[in-house]
Amino acid sequence: MNSVTLMTLGIFVFSLAVFYVFARFTAKLIRQHRDIYGLLYALEEEEKKRR
C-alpha cells in the first residue's frame, strides 16, 4: 500500500468515527426532547390544581 491509500483509509475511518459520535449525540438529544413533553404536561397539571 502506498501512502495515498493509507491516508485515504485514515480519513475514511476518521469520518466514520465522527459520524458515529454525531449520531449518538443526536439520538441523545432526541430522547431528551421526547422526555421533556411529559415533564411539561405534569407541570401544567400541577398549575391547574393550584388554581
N, C-alpha and C. Protein backbone atom coordinates (compact mmCIF):
# COMPACT_ATOMS: atom_id res chain seq x y z
N MET A 1 0.84 -1.19 0.00
CA MET A 1 0.00 0.00 0.00
C MET A 1 0.88 1.25 0.00
N ASN A 2 0.48 2.19 -0.78
CA ASN A 2 1.26 3.42 -0.78
C ASN A 2 0.67 4.42 0.22
N SER A 3 1.32 5.54 0.37
CA SER A 3 0.93 6.50 1.40
C SER A 3 -0.41 7.16 1.11
N VAL A 4 -0.74 7.32 -0.17
CA VAL A 4 -2.03 7.95 -0.53
C VAL A 4 -3.18 7.04 -0.11
N THR A 5 -3.03 5.75 -0.34
CA THR A 5 -4.07 4.80 0.05
C THR A 5 -4.24 4.78 1.56
N LEU A 6 -3.15 4.78 2.28
CA LEU A 6 -3.22 4.78 3.75
C LEU A 6 -3.86 6.07 4.27
N MET A 7 -3.50 7.19 3.66
CA MET A 7 -4.08 8.47 4.09
C MET A 7 -5.59 8.48 3.80
N THR A 8 -5.99 7.96 2.66
CA THR A 8 -7.41 7.91 2.30
C THR A 8 -8.17 7.02 3.28
N LEU A 9 -7.61 5.87 3.60
CA LEU A 9 -8.25 4.98 4.57
C LEU A 9 -8.33 5.64 5.95
N GLY A 10 -7.28 6.35 6.33
CA GLY A 10 -7.29 7.05 7.62
C GLY A 10 -8.37 8.11 7.68
N ILE A 11 -8.51 8.88 6.62
CA ILE A 11 -9.55 9.91 6.56
C ILE A 11 -10.93 9.26 6.60
N PHE A 12 -11.09 8.16 5.89
CA PHE A 12 -12.37 7.45 5.86
C PHE A 12 -12.75 6.93 7.24
N VAL A 13 -11.81 6.33 7.95
CA VAL A 13 -12.07 5.81 9.30
C VAL A 13 -12.37 6.96 10.25
N PHE A 14 -11.64 8.05 10.14
CA PHE A 14 -11.90 9.22 10.98
C PHE A 14 -13.29 9.78 10.71
N SER A 15 -13.68 9.84 9.45
CA SER A 15 -15.02 10.33 9.09
C SER A 15 -16.11 9.45 9.67
N LEU A 16 -15.92 8.15 9.61
CA LEU A 16 -16.90 7.23 10.20
C LEU A 16 -17.00 7.42 11.71
N ALA A 17 -15.86 7.63 12.36
CA ALA A 17 -15.87 7.84 13.81
C ALA A 17 -16.60 9.13 14.17
N VAL A 18 -16.35 10.20 13.42
CA VAL A 18 -17.05 11.48 13.68
C VAL A 18 -18.55 11.31 13.43
N PHE A 19 -18.92 10.62 12.38
CA PHE A 19 -20.33 10.39 12.08
C PHE A 19 -20.99 9.59 13.21
N TYR A 20 -20.31 8.58 13.72
CA TYR A 20 -20.84 7.76 14.80
C TYR A 20 -21.07 8.59 16.06
N VAL A 21 -20.10 9.42 16.42
CA VAL A 21 -20.24 10.27 17.61
C VAL A 21 -21.38 11.26 17.42
N PHE A 22 -21.48 11.87 16.26
CA PHE A 22 -22.56 12.81 15.98
C PHE A 22 -23.93 12.13 16.03
N ALA A 23 -24.02 10.91 15.50
CA ALA A 23 -25.29 10.17 15.52
C ALA A 23 -25.71 9.85 16.94
N ARG A 24 -24.76 9.46 17.79
CA ARG A 24 -25.10 9.17 19.19
C ARG A 24 -25.55 10.43 19.91
N PHE A 25 -24.87 11.55 19.67
CA PHE A 25 -25.22 12.82 20.29
C PHE A 25 -26.63 13.24 19.85
N THR A 26 -26.92 13.11 18.56
CA THR A 26 -28.23 13.48 18.04
C THR A 26 -29.32 12.60 18.64
N ALA A 27 -29.07 11.30 18.74
CA ALA A 27 -30.07 10.40 19.33
C ALA A 27 -30.32 10.76 20.79
N LYS A 28 -29.28 11.14 21.51
CA LYS A 28 -29.44 11.54 22.91
C LYS A 28 -30.29 12.81 23.01
N LEU A 29 -30.06 13.77 22.13
CA LEU A 29 -30.87 14.99 22.14
C LEU A 29 -32.33 14.71 21.82
N ILE A 30 -32.58 13.80 20.88
CA ILE A 30 -33.95 13.45 20.53
C ILE A 30 -34.64 12.80 21.72
N ARG A 31 -33.95 11.91 22.42
CA ARG A 31 -34.54 11.27 23.60
C ARG A 31 -34.86 12.30 24.67
N GLN A 32 -33.96 13.25 24.90
CA GLN A 32 -34.21 14.29 25.89
C GLN A 32 -35.39 15.15 25.48
N HIS A 33 -35.52 15.43 24.20
CA HIS A 33 -36.62 16.25 23.71
C HIS A 33 -37.96 15.54 23.93
N ARG A 34 -37.98 14.24 23.70
CA ARG A 34 -39.21 13.48 23.91
C ARG A 34 -39.57 13.42 25.38
N ASP A 35 -38.58 13.31 26.25
CA ASP A 35 -38.83 13.22 27.69
C ASP A 35 -39.39 14.52 28.25
N ILE A 36 -39.08 15.65 27.66
CA ILE A 36 -39.48 16.93 28.23
C ILE A 36 -40.99 17.15 28.09
N TYR A 37 -41.64 16.53 27.11
CA TYR A 37 -43.08 16.73 26.95
C TYR A 37 -43.85 16.20 28.16
N GLY A 38 -43.45 15.06 28.68
CA GLY A 38 -44.09 14.52 29.87
C GLY A 38 -43.91 15.42 31.08
N LEU A 39 -42.73 15.98 31.22
CA LEU A 39 -42.47 16.89 32.34
C LEU A 39 -43.28 18.16 32.22
N LEU A 40 -43.37 18.71 31.01
CA LEU A 40 -44.15 19.93 30.81
C LEU A 40 -45.62 19.68 31.08
N TYR A 41 -46.12 18.52 30.69
CA TYR A 41 -47.52 18.18 30.94
C TYR A 41 -47.78 18.07 32.45
N ALA A 42 -46.86 17.43 33.16
CA ALA A 42 -47.02 17.29 34.61
C ALA A 42 -46.99 18.66 35.29
N LEU A 43 -46.11 19.54 34.87
CA LEU A 43 -46.07 20.89 35.44
C LEU A 43 -47.35 21.65 35.17
N GLU A 44 -47.88 21.50 33.97
CA GLU A 44 -49.11 22.19 33.62
C GLU A 44 -50.28 21.67 34.46
N GLU A 45 -50.33 20.37 34.69
CA GLU A 45 -51.39 19.80 35.52
C GLU A 45 -51.28 20.28 36.96
N GLU A 46 -50.07 20.38 37.47
CA GLU A 46 -49.88 20.89 38.82
C GLU A 46 -50.34 22.34 38.94
N GLU A 47 -50.07 23.12 37.92
CA GLU A 47 -50.51 24.53 37.93
C GLU A 47 -52.03 24.64 37.92
N LYS A 48 -52.67 23.74 37.16
CA LYS A 48 -54.14 23.75 37.12
C LYS A 48 -54.73 23.40 38.48
N LYS A 49 -54.09 22.47 39.18
CA LYS A 49 -54.58 22.07 40.51
C LYS A 49 -54.42 23.20 41.52
N ARG A 50 -53.39 24.00 41.38
CA ARG A 50 -53.16 25.11 42.31
C ARG A 50 -54.18 26.23 42.16
N ARG A 51 -54.72 26.39 40.99
CA ARG A 51 -55.68 27.49 40.73
C ARG A 51 -57.03 27.20 41.27
